[in-house]
N, C-alpha and C. Protein backbone atom coordinates (compact mmCIF):
# COMPACT_ATOMS: atom_id res chain seq x y z
N MET A 1 0.84 -1.19 0.00
CA MET A 1 0.00 0.00 0.00
C MET A 1 0.89 1.24 0.00
N LEU A 2 0.63 2.14 -0.94
CA LEU A 2 1.42 3.35 -1.04
C LEU A 2 0.95 4.40 -0.04
N ASN A 3 1.90 5.13 0.52
CA ASN A 3 1.61 6.26 1.39
C ASN A 3 1.65 7.53 0.54
N LEU A 4 0.48 8.02 0.16
CA LEU A 4 0.39 9.19 -0.72
C LEU A 4 -0.11 10.43 0.00
N ASN A 5 0.08 10.48 1.31
CA ASN A 5 -0.26 11.65 2.10
C ASN A 5 0.99 12.50 2.25
N PHE A 6 1.00 13.66 1.62
CA PHE A 6 2.18 14.54 1.63
C PHE A 6 1.95 15.80 2.45
N ASN A 7 1.16 15.67 3.51
CA ASN A 7 0.90 16.79 4.40
C ASN A 7 1.38 16.41 5.80
N PRO A 8 2.36 17.10 6.34
CA PRO A 8 3.05 18.27 5.79
C PRO A 8 3.98 17.88 4.64
N PHE A 9 4.28 18.85 3.80
CA PHE A 9 5.11 18.60 2.63
C PHE A 9 6.52 18.19 3.08
N PRO A 10 7.02 17.10 2.54
CA PRO A 10 8.35 16.62 2.95
C PRO A 10 9.49 17.33 2.21
N GLU A 11 10.25 18.12 2.94
CA GLU A 11 11.46 18.73 2.35
C GLU A 11 12.58 17.71 2.42
N LEU A 12 13.37 17.66 1.36
CA LEU A 12 14.50 16.73 1.28
C LEU A 12 15.78 17.54 1.10
N LYS A 13 16.87 17.07 1.70
CA LYS A 13 18.15 17.77 1.57
C LYS A 13 19.23 16.82 1.09
N THR A 14 20.12 17.38 0.27
CA THR A 14 21.32 16.68 -0.16
C THR A 14 22.50 17.56 0.25
N LYS A 15 23.66 17.19 -0.21
CA LYS A 15 24.85 17.98 0.12
C LYS A 15 24.73 19.43 -0.34
N ARG A 16 24.14 19.64 -1.53
CA ARG A 16 24.06 21.00 -2.10
C ARG A 16 22.65 21.51 -2.32
N LEU A 17 21.65 20.63 -2.20
CA LEU A 17 20.30 20.98 -2.63
C LEU A 17 19.29 20.92 -1.49
N LEU A 18 18.29 21.78 -1.60
CA LEU A 18 17.08 21.67 -0.82
C LEU A 18 15.97 21.38 -1.82
N LEU A 19 15.31 20.24 -1.66
CA LEU A 19 14.16 19.91 -2.49
C LEU A 19 12.94 20.30 -1.66
N ARG A 20 12.24 21.33 -2.12
CA ARG A 20 11.15 21.91 -1.35
C ARG A 20 9.93 22.09 -2.23
N GLN A 21 8.82 22.43 -1.60
CA GLN A 21 7.58 22.62 -2.35
C GLN A 21 7.69 23.86 -3.25
N VAL A 22 7.11 23.73 -4.43
CA VAL A 22 7.00 24.88 -5.34
C VAL A 22 5.84 25.74 -4.85
N LEU A 23 6.12 27.03 -4.65
CA LEU A 23 5.14 27.95 -4.08
C LEU A 23 4.75 29.04 -5.08
N PRO A 24 3.60 29.69 -4.88
CA PRO A 24 3.22 30.79 -5.77
C PRO A 24 4.28 31.89 -5.85
N THR A 25 5.06 32.07 -4.80
CA THR A 25 6.12 33.09 -4.84
C THR A 25 7.26 32.70 -5.79
N ASP A 26 7.25 31.46 -6.29
CA ASP A 26 8.27 30.99 -7.24
C ASP A 26 7.86 31.23 -8.68
N VAL A 27 6.84 32.02 -8.90
CA VAL A 27 6.27 32.19 -10.23
C VAL A 27 7.31 32.61 -11.27
N ASP A 28 8.20 33.53 -10.93
CA ASP A 28 9.20 33.99 -11.90
C ASP A 28 10.18 32.87 -12.26
N ALA A 29 10.61 32.10 -11.27
CA ALA A 29 11.53 30.99 -11.53
C ALA A 29 10.86 29.92 -12.40
N ILE A 30 9.61 29.62 -12.11
CA ILE A 30 8.89 28.61 -12.89
C ILE A 30 8.71 29.09 -14.33
N MET A 31 8.45 30.39 -14.50
CA MET A 31 8.31 30.94 -15.85
C MET A 31 9.63 30.82 -16.62
N LYS A 32 10.75 31.06 -15.94
CA LYS A 32 12.06 30.95 -16.60
C LYS A 32 12.37 29.52 -17.00
N ILE A 33 11.96 28.57 -16.18
CA ILE A 33 12.23 27.16 -16.47
C ILE A 33 11.24 26.62 -17.49
N ARG A 34 9.94 26.72 -17.18
CA ARG A 34 8.92 26.13 -18.05
C ARG A 34 8.70 26.93 -19.33
N GLY A 35 9.23 28.14 -19.39
CA GLY A 35 9.13 28.93 -20.61
C GLY A 35 10.38 28.84 -21.49
N ASN A 36 11.42 28.18 -20.99
CA ASN A 36 12.69 28.08 -21.70
C ASN A 36 12.61 26.98 -22.77
N GLU A 37 12.83 27.36 -24.01
CA GLU A 37 12.72 26.41 -25.13
C GLU A 37 13.68 25.24 -24.97
N GLU A 38 14.91 25.51 -24.55
CA GLU A 38 15.90 24.43 -24.41
C GLU A 38 15.54 23.50 -23.25
N ALA A 39 15.11 24.06 -22.13
CA ALA A 39 14.71 23.24 -20.98
C ALA A 39 13.52 22.35 -21.33
N MET A 40 12.62 22.85 -22.18
CA MET A 40 11.39 22.13 -22.52
C MET A 40 11.50 21.33 -23.81
N ARG A 41 12.68 21.30 -24.40
CA ARG A 41 12.87 20.69 -25.71
C ARG A 41 12.33 19.26 -25.82
N PHE A 42 12.55 18.45 -24.80
CA PHE A 42 12.12 17.05 -24.84
C PHE A 42 10.94 16.78 -23.90
N ILE A 43 10.26 17.82 -23.47
CA ILE A 43 9.11 17.66 -22.57
C ILE A 43 7.86 18.11 -23.34
N PRO A 44 7.00 17.16 -23.68
CA PRO A 44 5.84 17.49 -24.50
C PRO A 44 4.71 18.14 -23.70
N ARG A 45 4.97 19.34 -23.24
CA ARG A 45 4.00 20.12 -22.48
C ARG A 45 4.05 21.56 -23.00
N PRO A 46 2.95 22.28 -22.89
CA PRO A 46 2.96 23.68 -23.32
C PRO A 46 3.95 24.50 -22.48
N ARG A 47 4.56 25.47 -23.12
CA ARG A 47 5.48 26.38 -22.44
C ARG A 47 4.69 27.33 -21.55
N ALA A 48 5.25 27.69 -20.43
CA ALA A 48 4.63 28.67 -19.53
C ALA A 48 5.35 29.99 -19.76
N LYS A 49 4.76 30.83 -20.58
CA LYS A 49 5.43 32.07 -20.99
C LYS A 49 4.93 33.31 -20.27
N THR A 50 3.86 33.17 -19.50
CA THR A 50 3.31 34.32 -18.78
C THR A 50 3.20 33.98 -17.30
N GLU A 51 2.99 35.01 -16.51
CA GLU A 51 2.81 34.80 -15.07
C GLU A 51 1.58 33.92 -14.82
N GLU A 52 0.51 34.15 -15.55
CA GLU A 52 -0.71 33.37 -15.37
C GLU A 52 -0.46 31.90 -15.70
N GLU A 53 0.25 31.62 -16.79
CA GLU A 53 0.56 30.23 -17.16
C GLU A 53 1.46 29.57 -16.12
N SER A 54 2.40 30.33 -15.58
CA SER A 54 3.30 29.80 -14.55
C SER A 54 2.54 29.52 -13.26
N LEU A 55 1.62 30.40 -12.89
CA LEU A 55 0.79 30.15 -11.71
C LEU A 55 -0.09 28.92 -11.92
N ALA A 56 -0.54 28.70 -13.15
CA ALA A 56 -1.33 27.50 -13.46
C ALA A 56 -0.48 26.23 -13.29
N VAL A 57 0.80 26.29 -13.65
CA VAL A 57 1.70 25.15 -13.44
C VAL A 57 1.85 24.89 -11.93
N ILE A 58 2.05 25.95 -11.17
CA ILE A 58 2.20 25.81 -9.72
C ILE A 58 0.93 25.23 -9.11
N LYS A 59 -0.22 25.70 -9.57
CA LYS A 59 -1.50 25.16 -9.07
C LYS A 59 -1.62 23.68 -9.42
N MET A 60 -1.24 23.29 -10.64
CA MET A 60 -1.29 21.89 -11.05
C MET A 60 -0.41 21.03 -10.14
N LEU A 61 0.81 21.53 -9.84
CA LEU A 61 1.72 20.79 -8.96
C LEU A 61 1.13 20.66 -7.56
N THR A 62 0.57 21.74 -7.06
CA THR A 62 -0.04 21.75 -5.71
C THR A 62 -1.25 20.83 -5.66
N ASP A 63 -2.10 20.88 -6.68
CA ASP A 63 -3.28 20.01 -6.72
C ASP A 63 -2.86 18.54 -6.74
N GLY A 64 -1.82 18.21 -7.49
CA GLY A 64 -1.34 16.83 -7.55
C GLY A 64 -0.91 16.33 -6.18
N ILE A 65 -0.25 17.19 -5.42
CA ILE A 65 0.18 16.85 -4.06
C ILE A 65 -1.03 16.65 -3.17
N ASN A 66 -1.95 17.61 -3.18
CA ASN A 66 -3.13 17.56 -2.31
C ASN A 66 -4.03 16.37 -2.61
N GLU A 67 -4.05 15.94 -3.88
CA GLU A 67 -4.90 14.83 -4.29
C GLU A 67 -4.17 13.49 -4.23
N GLY A 68 -2.89 13.48 -3.87
CA GLY A 68 -2.12 12.24 -3.81
C GLY A 68 -1.87 11.62 -5.17
N LYS A 69 -1.86 12.45 -6.22
CA LYS A 69 -1.66 11.95 -7.59
C LYS A 69 -0.22 12.13 -8.06
N SER A 70 0.50 13.07 -7.44
CA SER A 70 1.88 13.36 -7.82
C SER A 70 2.53 14.15 -6.68
N ILE A 71 3.85 14.21 -6.72
CA ILE A 71 4.57 15.09 -5.80
C ILE A 71 5.81 15.57 -6.52
N ASN A 72 5.97 16.88 -6.57
CA ASN A 72 7.12 17.49 -7.23
C ASN A 72 7.78 18.48 -6.27
N TRP A 73 9.10 18.53 -6.38
CA TRP A 73 9.89 19.42 -5.56
C TRP A 73 10.59 20.45 -6.44
N ALA A 74 10.75 21.66 -5.92
CA ALA A 74 11.65 22.63 -6.53
C ALA A 74 13.06 22.18 -6.19
N ILE A 75 13.92 22.11 -7.17
CA ILE A 75 15.34 21.81 -6.95
C ILE A 75 15.99 23.16 -6.67
N SER A 76 16.30 23.41 -5.40
CA SER A 76 16.80 24.73 -5.04
C SER A 76 18.16 24.65 -4.36
N ASN A 77 18.80 25.80 -4.31
CA ASN A 77 20.09 25.96 -3.66
C ASN A 77 19.92 25.82 -2.16
N LEU A 78 20.68 24.91 -1.55
CA LEU A 78 20.56 24.68 -0.11
C LEU A 78 20.81 25.95 0.69
N GLU A 79 21.78 26.76 0.25
CA GLU A 79 22.13 27.99 0.97
C GLU A 79 21.19 29.15 0.67
N ASN A 80 20.55 29.11 -0.51
CA ASN A 80 19.63 30.17 -0.92
C ASN A 80 18.41 29.52 -1.58
N PRO A 81 17.45 29.04 -0.78
CA PRO A 81 16.31 28.28 -1.30
C PRO A 81 15.42 29.00 -2.30
N THR A 82 15.57 30.32 -2.43
CA THR A 82 14.77 31.02 -3.44
C THR A 82 15.37 30.85 -4.83
N GLU A 83 16.62 30.39 -4.91
CA GLU A 83 17.26 30.12 -6.20
C GLU A 83 16.87 28.70 -6.64
N ILE A 84 16.01 28.64 -7.66
CA ILE A 84 15.48 27.36 -8.13
C ILE A 84 16.17 26.98 -9.44
N TYR A 85 16.71 25.75 -9.45
CA TYR A 85 17.40 25.23 -10.63
C TYR A 85 16.45 24.50 -11.56
N GLY A 86 15.42 23.86 -10.98
CA GLY A 86 14.51 23.05 -11.78
C GLY A 86 13.44 22.44 -10.91
N ILE A 87 12.80 21.40 -11.45
CA ILE A 87 11.71 20.70 -10.77
C ILE A 87 11.96 19.20 -10.93
N MET A 88 11.64 18.45 -9.88
CA MET A 88 11.82 17.00 -9.91
C MET A 88 10.76 16.35 -9.04
N GLY A 89 10.31 15.18 -9.45
CA GLY A 89 9.38 14.47 -8.59
C GLY A 89 8.72 13.30 -9.26
N TYR A 90 7.68 12.81 -8.60
CA TYR A 90 6.89 11.71 -9.12
C TYR A 90 5.68 12.32 -9.81
N VAL A 91 5.64 12.18 -11.12
CA VAL A 91 4.59 12.83 -11.91
C VAL A 91 3.33 11.98 -12.04
N ASN A 92 3.45 10.68 -11.77
CA ASN A 92 2.30 9.77 -11.77
C ASN A 92 2.55 8.66 -10.77
N PHE A 93 1.48 8.24 -10.12
CA PHE A 93 1.54 7.07 -9.24
C PHE A 93 0.65 5.98 -9.83
N TYR A 94 1.09 4.75 -9.70
CA TYR A 94 0.34 3.57 -10.11
C TYR A 94 0.21 2.66 -8.88
N PRO A 95 -0.73 2.99 -7.98
CA PRO A 95 -0.83 2.27 -6.70
C PRO A 95 -1.00 0.76 -6.84
N GLU A 96 -1.74 0.32 -7.86
CA GLU A 96 -1.99 -1.11 -8.02
C GLU A 96 -0.70 -1.89 -8.30
N GLN A 97 0.33 -1.19 -8.78
CA GLN A 97 1.62 -1.83 -9.05
C GLN A 97 2.72 -1.34 -8.11
N SER A 98 2.37 -0.51 -7.14
CA SER A 98 3.35 0.09 -6.21
C SER A 98 4.50 0.73 -6.99
N ARG A 99 4.11 1.48 -8.02
CA ARG A 99 5.08 2.08 -8.93
C ARG A 99 4.76 3.55 -9.11
N ALA A 100 5.80 4.33 -9.44
CA ALA A 100 5.63 5.75 -9.76
C ALA A 100 6.50 6.09 -10.95
N GLU A 101 6.12 7.16 -11.64
CA GLU A 101 6.92 7.68 -12.75
C GLU A 101 7.65 8.93 -12.26
N ILE A 102 8.96 8.92 -12.41
CA ILE A 102 9.78 10.06 -12.00
C ILE A 102 9.99 10.98 -13.20
N GLY A 103 10.05 12.27 -12.92
CA GLY A 103 10.32 13.24 -13.97
C GLY A 103 11.17 14.37 -13.40
N TYR A 104 11.89 15.03 -14.27
CA TYR A 104 12.76 16.12 -13.83
C TYR A 104 13.03 17.05 -15.00
N MET A 105 13.30 18.29 -14.65
CA MET A 105 13.71 19.27 -15.65
C MET A 105 14.56 20.32 -14.95
N LEU A 106 15.51 20.86 -15.69
CA LEU A 106 16.46 21.81 -15.14
C LEU A 106 16.65 22.94 -16.13
N HIS A 107 16.76 24.15 -15.63
CA HIS A 107 17.09 25.28 -16.51
C HIS A 107 18.49 25.04 -17.08
N PRO A 108 18.71 25.33 -18.35
CA PRO A 108 20.02 25.08 -18.98
C PRO A 108 21.21 25.73 -18.26
N ASN A 109 20.99 26.84 -17.55
CA ASN A 109 22.10 27.47 -16.81
C ASN A 109 22.70 26.54 -15.76
N TYR A 110 21.95 25.49 -15.38
CA TYR A 110 22.40 24.59 -14.31
C TYR A 110 22.73 23.19 -14.81
N TRP A 111 22.72 23.00 -16.13
CA TRP A 111 23.07 21.69 -16.69
C TRP A 111 24.54 21.39 -16.43
N GLY A 112 24.85 20.11 -16.33
CA GLY A 112 26.23 19.66 -16.22
C GLY A 112 26.86 19.84 -14.85
N LYS A 113 26.07 20.16 -13.85
CA LYS A 113 26.62 20.39 -12.50
C LYS A 113 26.28 19.24 -11.55
N GLY A 114 25.59 18.21 -12.04
CA GLY A 114 25.27 17.05 -11.22
C GLY A 114 24.07 17.21 -10.31
N TYR A 115 23.27 18.25 -10.52
CA TYR A 115 22.12 18.48 -9.64
C TYR A 115 21.04 17.41 -9.79
N VAL A 116 20.76 17.00 -11.03
CA VAL A 116 19.71 16.00 -11.23
C VAL A 116 20.12 14.64 -10.63
N PRO A 117 21.31 14.11 -10.93
CA PRO A 117 21.68 12.84 -10.30
C PRO A 117 21.69 12.91 -8.76
N GLU A 118 22.11 14.04 -8.22
CA GLU A 118 22.14 14.22 -6.76
C GLU A 118 20.72 14.23 -6.20
N GLY A 119 19.83 14.94 -6.85
CA GLY A 119 18.45 15.01 -6.38
C GLY A 119 17.71 13.69 -6.55
N ILE A 120 17.97 13.00 -7.65
CA ILE A 120 17.27 11.73 -7.92
C ILE A 120 17.51 10.74 -6.77
N LEU A 121 18.73 10.67 -6.29
CA LEU A 121 19.03 9.72 -5.21
C LEU A 121 18.15 9.96 -3.99
N GLU A 122 17.95 11.21 -3.63
CA GLU A 122 17.13 11.53 -2.46
C GLU A 122 15.64 11.30 -2.74
N VAL A 123 15.20 11.63 -3.95
CA VAL A 123 13.80 11.41 -4.32
C VAL A 123 13.51 9.91 -4.38
N GLU A 124 14.46 9.13 -4.89
CA GLU A 124 14.29 7.66 -4.91
C GLU A 124 14.21 7.12 -3.48
N ARG A 125 15.12 7.57 -2.62
CA ARG A 125 15.12 7.10 -1.24
C ARG A 125 13.76 7.37 -0.60
N PHE A 126 13.26 8.59 -0.79
CA PHE A 126 11.95 8.95 -0.25
C PHE A 126 10.87 8.03 -0.84
N GLY A 127 10.92 7.79 -2.13
CA GLY A 127 9.92 6.95 -2.78
C GLY A 127 9.92 5.53 -2.26
N PHE A 128 11.09 4.94 -2.13
CA PHE A 128 11.17 3.56 -1.66
C PHE A 128 10.87 3.45 -0.16
N GLU A 129 11.39 4.37 0.64
CA GLU A 129 11.26 4.25 2.09
C GLU A 129 9.98 4.86 2.66
N GLN A 130 9.54 6.00 2.12
CA GLN A 130 8.38 6.69 2.69
C GLN A 130 7.08 6.40 1.95
N ILE A 131 7.14 6.39 0.63
CA ILE A 131 5.93 6.13 -0.16
C ILE A 131 5.67 4.62 -0.26
N ASN A 132 6.73 3.83 -0.12
CA ASN A 132 6.66 2.37 -0.19
C ASN A 132 6.56 1.86 -1.62
N LEU A 133 7.26 2.52 -2.54
CA LEU A 133 7.29 2.08 -3.93
C LEU A 133 8.11 0.80 -4.06
N LEU A 134 7.70 -0.04 -5.01
CA LEU A 134 8.49 -1.21 -5.37
C LEU A 134 9.35 -0.93 -6.60
N SER A 135 8.86 -0.01 -7.45
CA SER A 135 9.64 0.36 -8.63
C SER A 135 9.37 1.80 -9.03
N ILE A 136 10.36 2.35 -9.73
CA ILE A 136 10.28 3.72 -10.25
C ILE A 136 10.53 3.62 -11.75
N GLU A 137 9.68 4.29 -12.50
CA GLU A 137 9.77 4.29 -13.95
C GLU A 137 10.11 5.69 -14.44
N ALA A 138 10.92 5.76 -15.47
CA ALA A 138 11.22 7.04 -16.12
C ALA A 138 10.88 6.89 -17.60
N LYS A 139 10.24 7.91 -18.14
CA LYS A 139 9.89 7.93 -19.57
C LYS A 139 10.60 9.12 -20.19
N ILE A 140 11.39 8.86 -21.23
CA ILE A 140 12.12 9.94 -21.88
C ILE A 140 11.90 9.92 -23.39
N ASP A 141 12.13 11.05 -23.99
CA ASP A 141 12.18 11.15 -25.44
C ASP A 141 13.50 10.49 -25.86
N PRO A 142 13.48 9.55 -26.80
CA PRO A 142 14.71 8.85 -27.19
C PRO A 142 15.81 9.77 -27.72
N ARG A 143 15.47 10.98 -28.10
CA ARG A 143 16.49 11.92 -28.58
C ARG A 143 17.23 12.61 -27.43
N ASN A 144 16.77 12.39 -26.19
CA ASN A 144 17.34 13.06 -25.03
C ASN A 144 18.49 12.23 -24.44
N ASP A 145 19.65 12.32 -25.07
CA ASP A 145 20.81 11.54 -24.65
C ASP A 145 21.25 11.86 -23.22
N ASN A 146 21.18 13.12 -22.81
CA ASN A 146 21.61 13.49 -21.47
C ASN A 146 20.74 12.84 -20.40
N SER A 147 19.44 12.80 -20.61
CA SER A 147 18.55 12.18 -19.65
C SER A 147 18.82 10.67 -19.59
N ARG A 148 19.03 10.04 -20.73
CA ARG A 148 19.34 8.62 -20.77
C ARG A 148 20.61 8.34 -19.95
N LYS A 149 21.64 9.17 -20.13
CA LYS A 149 22.90 8.98 -19.39
C LYS A 149 22.68 9.11 -17.89
N ILE A 150 21.86 10.07 -17.47
CA ILE A 150 21.55 10.24 -16.05
C ILE A 150 20.88 8.99 -15.50
N LEU A 151 19.91 8.47 -16.23
CA LEU A 151 19.18 7.29 -15.76
C LEU A 151 20.10 6.07 -15.66
N ILE A 152 20.90 5.85 -16.68
CA ILE A 152 21.80 4.70 -16.67
C ILE A 152 22.83 4.83 -15.54
N ARG A 153 23.35 6.04 -15.35
CA ARG A 153 24.30 6.28 -14.25
C ARG A 153 23.66 6.03 -12.89
N ASN A 154 22.35 6.22 -12.80
CA ASN A 154 21.62 5.98 -11.56
C ASN A 154 20.97 4.59 -11.52
N ASN A 155 21.50 3.68 -12.31
CA ASN A 155 21.12 2.26 -12.28
C ASN A 155 19.69 1.96 -12.73
N TYR A 156 19.16 2.76 -13.62
CA TYR A 156 17.89 2.43 -14.26
C TYR A 156 18.20 1.51 -15.43
N GLN A 157 17.30 0.57 -15.67
CA GLN A 157 17.46 -0.38 -16.76
C GLN A 157 16.46 -0.08 -17.86
N PHE A 158 16.94 -0.15 -19.12
CA PHE A 158 16.03 0.04 -20.25
C PHE A 158 14.94 -1.02 -20.18
N ASP A 159 13.69 -0.59 -20.39
CA ASP A 159 12.56 -1.52 -20.32
C ASP A 159 11.90 -1.71 -21.69
N ARG A 160 11.58 -0.59 -22.35
CA ARG A 160 10.87 -0.72 -23.62
C ARG A 160 10.88 0.60 -24.38
N LEU A 161 10.64 0.49 -25.68
CA LEU A 161 10.47 1.64 -26.56
C LEU A 161 9.07 1.55 -27.13
N ILE A 162 8.32 2.63 -27.03
CA ILE A 162 7.01 2.70 -27.66
C ILE A 162 7.08 3.80 -28.71
N GLN A 163 6.90 3.37 -29.95
CA GLN A 163 6.97 4.33 -31.05
C GLN A 163 5.65 5.06 -31.21
N LYS A 164 5.77 6.34 -31.52
CA LYS A 164 4.60 7.20 -31.77
C LYS A 164 3.58 7.09 -30.65
N GLU A 165 4.08 7.16 -29.41
CA GLU A 165 3.20 7.00 -28.25
C GLU A 165 2.26 8.19 -28.06
N MET A 166 2.71 9.37 -28.46
CA MET A 166 1.87 10.56 -28.26
C MET A 166 2.11 11.54 -29.40
N VAL A 167 1.21 12.49 -29.48
CA VAL A 167 1.34 13.58 -30.45
C VAL A 167 1.35 14.88 -29.66
N PHE A 168 2.35 15.71 -29.95
CA PHE A 168 2.43 17.03 -29.31
C PHE A 168 2.78 18.03 -30.40
N GLN A 169 1.96 19.05 -30.53
CA GLN A 169 2.14 20.08 -31.56
C GLN A 169 2.36 19.44 -32.93
N GLU A 170 1.49 18.49 -33.25
CA GLU A 170 1.46 17.79 -34.54
C GLU A 170 2.68 16.91 -34.81
N GLU A 171 3.51 16.66 -33.80
CA GLU A 171 4.68 15.78 -33.95
C GLU A 171 4.41 14.47 -33.20
N GLU A 172 4.62 13.35 -33.89
CA GLU A 172 4.52 12.05 -33.24
C GLU A 172 5.80 11.80 -32.46
N ILE A 173 5.65 11.42 -31.18
CA ILE A 173 6.79 11.29 -30.30
C ILE A 173 6.89 9.87 -29.76
N ASP A 174 8.11 9.32 -29.86
CA ASP A 174 8.40 8.01 -29.28
C ASP A 174 8.75 8.19 -27.81
N SER A 175 8.65 7.11 -27.04
CA SER A 175 9.01 7.14 -25.63
C SER A 175 9.86 5.92 -25.29
N GLU A 176 10.96 6.18 -24.57
CA GLU A 176 11.77 5.10 -24.00
C GLU A 176 11.44 5.03 -22.52
N TYR A 177 11.28 3.82 -22.01
CA TYR A 177 10.97 3.60 -20.60
C TYR A 177 12.15 2.91 -19.92
N TYR A 178 12.44 3.38 -18.71
CA TYR A 178 13.49 2.81 -17.88
C TYR A 178 12.89 2.48 -16.52
N GLN A 179 13.42 1.46 -15.85
CA GLN A 179 12.90 1.02 -14.56
C GLN A 179 14.03 0.90 -13.54
N LYS A 180 13.68 1.16 -12.31
CA LYS A 180 14.57 0.90 -11.18
C LYS A 180 13.72 0.26 -10.09
N TYR A 181 14.24 -0.83 -9.51
CA TYR A 181 13.48 -1.57 -8.51
C TYR A 181 14.08 -1.42 -7.13
N ARG A 182 13.22 -1.45 -6.14
CA ARG A 182 13.67 -1.42 -4.75
C ARG A 182 14.44 -2.72 -4.47
N VAL A 183 15.56 -2.56 -3.77
CA VAL A 183 16.36 -3.75 -3.44
C VAL A 183 16.22 -4.10 -1.98
């Protein structure tokens, strides 16, 4: 049985990061991340280019937490938590299989610094120990070599390729799936 009660919101810490709740006061940071073409290149979601669109993203993240459907953290600077590098979390839960789908995105200014692999370890620990997941799944665009490298480095195993799984802005998109199991 999964524990999907996230009240109070669980803050997670690593050596350099504070993974905290995304708040309405983060609207400018979310707009910079979700509105950035390069950051969103392999994420088939509409860009958040206005304050209203960014607030809608924050509301969606908050609603997912409150409804036990997802949990996402702001990837922030441990010393300055208002500095947000990106977003990471469980974007879908599959309670019948004790599984969740992990997702992450980072503003390009913070790429190559090891923030995503560092954060993933703590999010996985939380998922296996607190939520009681048996497995974590990641779905990526097959063209996203950097994300694939992160997953493989973090011991995810290739599971399957689904061709033309979705359509976004009139483009058919394939999906690669990776799995990691609780040991």
